[in-house]
């Protein structure tokens, strides 16, 4: 499967809160990488629905490309590593629901469209 689609991996590095304490903006970083795009299989689609989630697309990327999104942030005085939580593809934003390394050493990201 060729990785010939350009996607953006989005890492949320922080939030800005207004005077009322609610989030008014996000600090994000984007990394462009090449990916293969695959449909969600029937079994995986219905399994996700059973768990209260709707998945719509799978992106396949090189694990080293995904590591480019890794950042360290401070949360409650502790340093934590975070990675991309969203994908932007063809103007649509997707939430990464699950990642796993397949038998070919590539990283598969199962995603749902952000409503």
C-alpha atoms as a PDB file:
ATOM      1  CA  UNK A   1       0.000   0.000   0.000  1.00  0.00           C
ATOM      2  CA  UNK A   2       1.572   3.262  -1.095  1.00  0.00           C
ATOM      3  CA  UNK A   3       1.707   6.229   1.215  1.00  0.00           C
ATOM      4  CA  UNK A   4       0.933   8.981  -1.272  1.00  0.00           C
ATOM      5  CA  UNK A   5      -1.625  11.124   0.575  1.00  0.00           C
ATOM      6  CA  UNK A   6      -0.450  14.188   2.479  1.00  0.00           C
ATOM      7  CA  UNK A   7      -1.964  14.532   5.972  1.00  0.00           C
ATOM      8  CA  UNK A   8      -1.333  16.783   8.951  1.00  0.00           C
ATOM      9  CA  UNK A   9      -0.770  15.264  12.378  1.00  0.00           C
ATOM     10  CA  UNK A  10      -1.982  17.684  15.053  1.00  0.00           C
ATOM     11  CA  UNK A  11      -0.614  17.781  18.590  1.00  0.00           C
ATOM     12  CA  UNK A  12      -2.465  19.892  21.176  1.00  0.00           C
ATOM     13  CA  UNK A  13       0.262  21.312  23.414  1.00  0.00           C
ATOM     14  CA  UNK A  14      -1.943  23.414  25.688  1.00  0.00           C
ATOM     15  CA  UNK A  15      -5.116  25.413  26.180  1.00  0.00           C
ATOM     16  CA  UNK A  16      -5.760  29.092  26.785  1.00  0.00           C
ATOM     17  CA  UNK A  17      -8.534  29.890  29.232  1.00  0.00           C
ATOM     18  CA  UNK A  18     -10.611  33.025  29.363  1.00  0.00           C
ATOM     19  CA  UNK A  19     -11.508  35.016  32.463  1.00  0.00           C
ATOM     20  CA  UNK A  20     -14.454  32.670  33.086  1.00  0.00           C
ATOM     21  CA  UNK A  21     -12.102  29.660  33.237  1.00  0.00           C
ATOM     22  CA  UNK A  22     -13.381  28.076  30.024  1.00  0.00           C
ATOM     23  CA  UNK A  23     -11.090  27.081  27.168  1.00  0.00           C
ATOM     24  CA  UNK A  24     -11.079  29.782  24.485  1.00  0.00           C
ATOM     25  CA  UNK A  25      -8.191  28.568  22.316  1.00  0.00           C
ATOM     26  CA  UNK A  26      -5.780  25.681  21.846  1.00  0.00           C
ATOM     27  CA  UNK A  27      -2.051  25.736  21.266  1.00  0.00           C
ATOM     28  CA  UNK A  28      -1.375  23.254  18.486  1.00  0.00           C
ATOM     29  CA  UNK A  29       1.548  22.040  16.428  1.00  0.00           C
ATOM     30  CA  UNK A  30       1.165  20.396  13.026  1.00  0.00           C
ATOM     31  CA  UNK A  31       3.453  18.024  11.150  1.00  0.00           C
ATOM     32  CA  UNK A  32       2.851  17.069   7.517  1.00  0.00           C
ATOM     33  CA  UNK A  33       3.542  13.442   6.623  1.00  0.00           C
ATOM     34  CA  UNK A  34       2.646  11.026   3.859  1.00  0.00           C
ATOM     35  CA  UNK A  35       0.087   8.329   4.614  1.00  0.00           C
ATOM     36  CA  UNK A  36      -1.943   5.595   3.022  1.00  0.00           C
ATOM     37  CA  UNK A  37      -5.692   5.951   3.467  1.00  0.00           C
ATOM     38  CA  UNK A  38      -7.884   2.928   4.047  1.00  0.00           C
ATOM     39  CA  UNK A  39     -11.561   2.330   4.727  1.00  0.00           C
ATOM     40  CA  UNK A  40     -12.682   0.973   8.075  1.00  0.00           C
ATOM     41  CA  UNK A  41     -13.718  -2.664   7.816  1.00  0.00           C
ATOM     42  CA  UNK A  42     -17.213  -3.799   8.703  1.00  0.00           C
ATOM     43  CA  UNK A  43     -16.140  -5.696  11.822  1.00  0.00           C
ATOM     44  CA  UNK A  44     -14.103  -2.798  13.183  1.00  0.00           C
ATOM     45  CA  UNK A  45     -16.883  -0.320  12.378  1.00  0.00           C
ATOM     46  CA  UNK A  46     -19.559  -2.274  14.262  1.00  0.00           C
ATOM     47  CA  UNK A  47     -17.228  -3.094  17.154  1.00  0.00           C
ATOM     48  CA  UNK A  48     -16.562   0.628  17.599  1.00  0.00           C
ATOM     49  CA  UNK A  49     -20.294   1.393  17.465  1.00  0.00           C
ATOM     50  CA  UNK A  50     -20.902  -1.193  20.157  1.00  0.00           C
ATOM     51  CA  UNK A  51     -18.399   0.706  22.323  1.00  0.00           C
ATOM     52  CA  UNK A  52     -20.114   4.035  21.683  1.00  0.00           C
ATOM     53  CA  UNK A  53     -17.650   5.333  19.083  1.00  0.00           C
ATOM     54  CA  UNK A  54     -18.041   5.814  15.365  1.00  0.00           C
ATOM     55  CA  UNK A  55     -14.881   5.306  13.275  1.00  0.00           C
ATOM     56  CA  UNK A  56     -14.693   6.355   9.663  1.00  0.00           C
ATOM     57  CA  UNK A  57     -11.148   6.118   8.273  1.00  0.00           C
ATOM     58  CA  UNK A  58      -7.721   4.558   8.819  1.00  0.00           C
ATOM     59  CA  UNK A  59      -4.423   6.314   8.108  1.00  0.00           C
ATOM     60  CA  UNK A  60      -1.224   4.297   7.768  1.00  0.00           C
ATOM     61  CA  UNK A  61       2.045   6.128   8.481  1.00  0.00           C
ATOM     62  CA  UNK A  62       5.669   5.361   9.216  1.00  0.00           C
ATOM     63  CA  UNK A  63       6.109   5.118  13.024  1.00  0.00           C
ATOM     64  CA  UNK A  64       9.104   7.479  12.806  1.00  0.00           C
ATOM     65  CA  UNK A  65       6.879  10.100  11.169  1.00  0.00           C
ATOM     66  CA  UNK A  66       4.407   9.773  14.033  1.00  0.00           C
ATOM     67  CA  UNK A  67       7.267  10.216  16.530  1.00  0.00           C
ATOM     68  CA  UNK A  68       7.905  13.644  14.987  1.00  0.00           C
ATOM     69  CA  UNK A  69       4.749  14.805  16.795  1.00  0.00           C
ATOM     70  CA  UNK A  70       6.065  13.859  20.241  1.00  0.00           C
ATOM     71  CA  UNK A  71       6.293  16.784  22.641  1.00  0.00           C
ATOM     72  CA  UNK A  72       6.974  17.222  26.336  1.00  0.00           C
ATOM     73  CA  UNK A  73       4.499  19.312  28.302  1.00  0.00           C
ATOM     74  CA  UNK A  74       4.221  20.170  31.979  1.00  0.00           C
ATOM     75  CA  UNK A  75       0.986  19.066  33.636  1.00  0.00           C
ATOM     76  CA  UNK A  76       0.581  19.514  37.397  1.00  0.00           C
ATOM     77  CA  UNK A  77       4.337  20.130  37.762  1.00  0.00           C
ATOM     78  CA  UNK A  78       5.140  16.852  35.966  1.00  0.00           C
ATOM     79  CA  UNK A  79       6.737  16.464  32.546  1.00  0.00           C
ATOM     80  CA  UNK A  80       4.601  14.277  30.267  1.00  0.00           C
ATOM     81  CA  UNK A  81       5.096  13.122  26.711  1.00  0.00           C
ATOM     82  CA  UNK A  82       2.230  13.670  24.315  1.00  0.00           C
ATOM     83  CA  UNK A  83       1.740  12.839  20.642  1.00  0.00           C
ATOM     84  CA  UNK A  84      -0.674  13.785  17.899  1.00  0.00           C
ATOM     85  CA  UNK A  85      -4.327  13.333  18.773  1.00  0.00           C
ATOM     86  CA  UNK A  86      -5.859  14.549  15.502  1.00  0.00           C
ATOM     87  CA  UNK A  87      -5.399  14.250  11.762  1.00  0.00           C
ATOM     88  CA  UNK A  88      -6.369  16.786   9.126  1.00  0.00           C
ATOM     89  CA  UNK A  89      -6.968  15.223   5.720  1.00  0.00           C
ATOM     90  CA  UNK A  90      -8.644  16.766   2.719  1.00  0.00           C
ATOM     91  CA  UNK A  91      -9.924  19.662   4.865  1.00  0.00           C
ATOM     92  CA  UNK A  92     -11.589  17.371   7.424  1.00  0.00           C
ATOM     93  CA  UNK A  93     -10.410  16.965  11.017  1.00  0.00           C
ATOM     94  CA  UNK A  94     -10.359  13.464  12.500  1.00  0.00           C
ATOM     95  CA  UNK A  95      -9.812  12.358  16.089  1.00  0.00           C
ATOM     96  CA  UNK A  96      -7.305   9.519  16.511  1.00  0.00           C
ATOM     97  CA  UNK A  97      -9.188   6.787  18.392  1.00  0.00           C
ATOM     98  CA  UNK A  98      -6.646   3.963  18.258  1.00  0.00           C
ATOM     99  CA  UNK A  99      -3.100   3.385  17.057  1.00  0.00           C
ATOM    100  CA  UNK A 100      -1.308   0.115  16.555  1.00  0.00           C
ATOM    101  CA  UNK A 101       1.668  -1.241  14.676  1.00  0.00           C
ATOM    102  CA  UNK A 102       0.662  -3.667  11.931  1.00  0.00           C
ATOM    103  CA  UNK A 103       2.533  -6.751  10.684  1.00  0.00           C
ATOM    104  CA  UNK A 104       4.472  -4.653   8.163  1.00  0.00           C
ATOM    105  CA  UNK A 105       5.958  -2.321  10.794  1.00  0.00           C
ATOM    106  CA  UNK A 106       3.690   0.578   9.892  1.00  0.00           C
ATOM    107  CA  UNK A 107       1.495   2.508  12.324  1.00  0.00           C
ATOM    108  CA  UNK A 108      -2.257   2.371  11.710  1.00  0.00           C
ATOM    109  CA  UNK A 109      -4.425   5.138  13.138  1.00  0.00           C
ATOM    110  CA  UNK A 110      -8.145   4.435  13.335  1.00  0.00           C
ATOM    111  CA  UNK A 111      -9.986   7.754  13.358  1.00  0.00           C
ATOM    112  CA  UNK A 112     -13.436   9.294  13.642  1.00  0.00           C
ATOM    113  CA  UNK A 113     -14.562  12.527  12.054  1.00  0.00           C
ATOM    114  CA  UNK A 114     -14.803  15.483  14.440  1.00  0.00           C
ATOM    115  CA  UNK A 115     -18.368  16.765  14.474  1.00  0.00           C
END
